[in-house]
Protein backbone atom coordinates (compact mmCIF):
# COMPACT_ATOMS: atom_id res chain seq x y z
CA MET A 1 -7.87 -9.56 18.42
CA ARG A 2 -9.52 -10.11 15.06
CA GLN A 3 -7.79 -8.49 12.11
CA ASP A 4 -9.70 -6.14 9.82
CA SER A 5 -9.35 -7.60 6.31
CA ARG A 6 -11.48 -5.06 4.40
CA LEU A 7 -8.47 -3.40 2.77
CA SER A 8 -6.93 -6.67 1.66
CA ARG A 9 -10.24 -8.02 0.40
CA MET A 10 -11.10 -4.90 -1.57
CA LEU A 11 -7.62 -4.75 -3.11
CA HIS A 12 -8.17 -8.36 -4.18
CA VAL A 13 -11.56 -7.52 -5.71
CA LEU A 14 -10.40 -4.35 -7.46
CA ILE A 15 -7.42 -6.05 -9.07
CA HIS A 16 -9.75 -8.76 -10.37
CA MET A 17 -12.07 -6.06 -11.67
CA GLY A 18 -9.14 -4.37 -13.40
CA HIS A 19 -8.47 -7.60 -15.31
CA HIS A 20 -12.11 -8.46 -16.04
CA ASP A 21 -14.22 -7.28 -18.95
CA GLY A 22 -17.67 -6.23 -17.82
CA ALA A 23 -19.39 -5.93 -14.50
CA LEU A 24 -19.03 -8.31 -11.55
CA THR A 25 -22.14 -8.97 -9.50
CA SER A 26 -22.15 -8.90 -5.71
CA ASP A 27 -22.85 -12.65 -5.84
CA MET A 28 -19.76 -13.28 -7.99
CA ILE A 29 -17.56 -11.22 -5.70
CA ALA A 30 -19.06 -12.84 -2.58
CA LYS A 31 -18.31 -16.29 -3.98
CA MET A 32 -14.74 -15.22 -4.75
CA LEU A 33 -14.24 -14.01 -1.16
CA ASP A 34 -16.37 -16.69 0.50
CA THR A 35 -18.68 -14.17 2.11
CA ASN A 36 -22.22 -12.83 1.87
CA PRO A 37 -23.28 -10.54 -1.02
CA VAL A 38 -24.71 -8.09 1.54
CA VAL A 39 -21.23 -7.66 3.01
CA ILE A 40 -19.89 -7.01 -0.49
CA ARG A 41 -22.55 -4.39 -1.26
CA ARG A 42 -21.90 -2.63 2.04
CA THR A 43 -18.14 -2.53 1.53
CA MET A 44 -18.30 -1.65 -2.16
CA ALA A 45 -20.61 1.26 -1.31
CA GLY A 46 -17.63 3.09 0.22
CA LEU A 47 -15.70 2.62 -3.01
CA ARG A 48 -18.69 3.88 -5.00
CA GLU A 49 -18.99 6.98 -2.78
CA LYS A 50 -15.34 7.81 -3.52
CA GLY A 51 -15.95 7.37 -7.26
CA TYR A 52 -13.74 4.30 -7.74
CA VAL A 53 -16.52 1.94 -8.81
CA THR A 54 -20.05 2.19 -10.12
CA SER A 55 -22.94 -0.22 -9.83
CA GLU A 56 -25.89 -1.08 -12.03
CA LYS A 57 -28.93 -2.96 -10.75
CA GLY A 58 -30.79 -5.67 -12.58
CA HIS A 59 -29.97 -8.23 -15.25
CA GLY A 60 -26.55 -7.55 -16.72
CA GLY A 61 -25.72 -5.21 -13.86
CA GLY A 62 -23.04 -5.36 -11.24
CA TRP A 63 -19.93 -3.50 -10.13
CA THR A 64 -17.56 -1.84 -12.59
CA LEU A 65 -14.18 -0.24 -11.92
CA LEU A 66 -14.09 3.42 -13.01
CA HIS A 67 -10.30 3.88 -12.90
CA ARG A 68 -7.28 2.05 -14.22
CA LEU A 69 -5.26 0.17 -11.62
CA GLU A 70 -2.40 2.64 -12.18
CA GLU A 71 -4.63 5.46 -10.94
CA LEU A 72 -5.57 3.90 -7.58
CA THR A 73 -3.28 3.71 -4.57
CA LEU A 74 -3.40 1.67 -1.40
CA LEU A 75 -4.15 4.93 0.41
CA ASP A 76 -7.19 5.59 -1.80
CA ILE A 77 -8.68 2.21 -1.01
CA TYR A 78 -7.69 2.36 2.67
CA ARG A 79 -9.65 5.59 2.99
CA ALA A 80 -12.61 4.23 1.01
CA VAL A 81 -12.99 1.23 3.32
CA GLY A 82 -13.19 3.48 6.38
CA GLU A 83 -9.56 3.84 7.45
CA PRO A 84 -9.41 0.77 9.67
CA SER A 85 -6.84 0.75 12.45
CA VAL A 86 -3.44 -0.26 11.12
CA PHE A 87 -2.21 -1.51 14.50
CA ALA A 88 -3.64 -4.22 16.70
CA VAL A 89 -1.76 -2.96 19.75
CA GLY A 90 -2.27 0.26 21.64
CA PRO A 91 -2.21 2.00 24.98
CA ALA A 92 -3.87 0.53 28.08
CA TYR A 93 -6.18 2.57 30.27
CA ASP A 94 -6.42 0.27 33.29
CA MET A 95 -4.86 2.69 35.79
CA PRO A 96 -5.47 6.24 34.51
CA GLY A 97 -4.02 7.81 37.68
CA CYS A 98 -0.70 5.96 37.41
CA VAL A 99 2.13 8.18 36.16
CA ILE A 100 3.96 5.18 34.68
CA GLU A 101 0.90 4.17 32.64
CA GLN A 102 0.52 7.79 31.53
CA ALA A 103 4.17 7.90 30.38
CA VAL A 104 3.86 4.57 28.58
CA ASN A 105 0.64 5.65 26.86
CA ALA A 106 2.07 9.02 25.82
CA THR A 107 5.14 7.34 24.31
CA LEU A 108 3.14 4.63 22.56
CA THR A 109 0.67 7.17 21.20
CA ASP A 110 3.49 9.26 19.72
CA VAL A 111 5.33 6.24 18.29
CA PHE A 112 2.18 4.75 16.77
CA ALA A 113 1.16 8.10 15.27
CA GLU A 114 4.58 8.49 13.66
CA ALA A 115 4.57 4.89 12.39
CA GLU A 116 1.05 5.30 11.01
CA GLN A 117 2.07 8.44 9.09
CA LEU A 118 5.02 6.57 7.57
CA LEU A 119 2.76 3.67 6.61
CA LEU A 120 0.13 5.94 5.05
CA LYS A 121 2.86 7.73 3.08
CA ARG A 122 4.00 4.36 1.78
CA PHE A 123 0.37 3.47 0.95
CA SER A 124 0.22 6.60 -1.23
CA ASP A 125 3.27 5.41 -3.19
CA VAL A 126 1.88 1.98 -4.13
CA THR A 127 -0.71 1.60 -6.89
CA LEU A 128 -2.96 -1.35 -7.49
CA ALA A 129 -1.04 -1.87 -10.74
CA ASP A 130 2.16 -2.26 -8.67
CA ILE A 131 0.49 -5.10 -6.78
CA ALA A 132 -0.82 -6.67 -9.99
CA ARG A 133 2.57 -6.75 -11.75
CA GLY A 134 4.19 -10.11 -12.19
CA PHE A 135 1.18 -12.41 -12.35
CA VAL A 136 -1.58 -13.32 -14.76
CA VAL A 137 -5.15 -13.25 -13.51
CA PRO A 138 -7.09 -16.35 -14.61
CA GLY A 139 -9.67 -15.27 -17.14
CA GLY A 140 -8.00 -11.90 -17.59
CA PRO A 141 -6.93 -10.39 -20.90
CA ASN A 142 -3.58 -12.24 -20.90
CA ALA A 143 -4.88 -15.60 -19.75
CA SER A 144 -6.60 -18.53 -21.34
CA GLY A 145 -8.15 -19.88 -18.12
CA GLN A 146 -11.79 -20.49 -17.35
CA GLY A 147 -12.43 -17.34 -15.37
CA MET A 148 -11.99 -15.42 -12.21
CA ALA A 149 -14.48 -17.30 -10.06
CA GLU A 150 -12.28 -20.40 -10.04
CA GLU A 151 -9.29 -18.52 -8.61
CA SER A 152 -9.23 -17.32 -5.01
């Protein structure tokens, strides 16, 4: 099963944005993540709808972070990217009439729901600034590197 990397990728982008002066274009972000700018625009739109970023079209435009990294949590970004499934495993529905399958599914459903609530609670406790502590972003305010596009 293919993993959904939208959360990880957007956390990556937002932390870069938090350490970058000025707007980042969809092309710049796409190059950083080795993807297509259309994918970036589509994903960033969810962040814009939640009020975490803004975008300007045209020359000198791009995406700009509207909040400090300390103000954004993993839960905020998880919700903005569409709340992808946090588990790759789940119940099977091959034999819906089988009482054993029904018992297994009921137990798994309860356990996964409880685990997901614990995970989402933990997401709400971690800010993007927490993730960004302990490293220097190339091209950021505390670095003397050539710029963000070379990292990643």
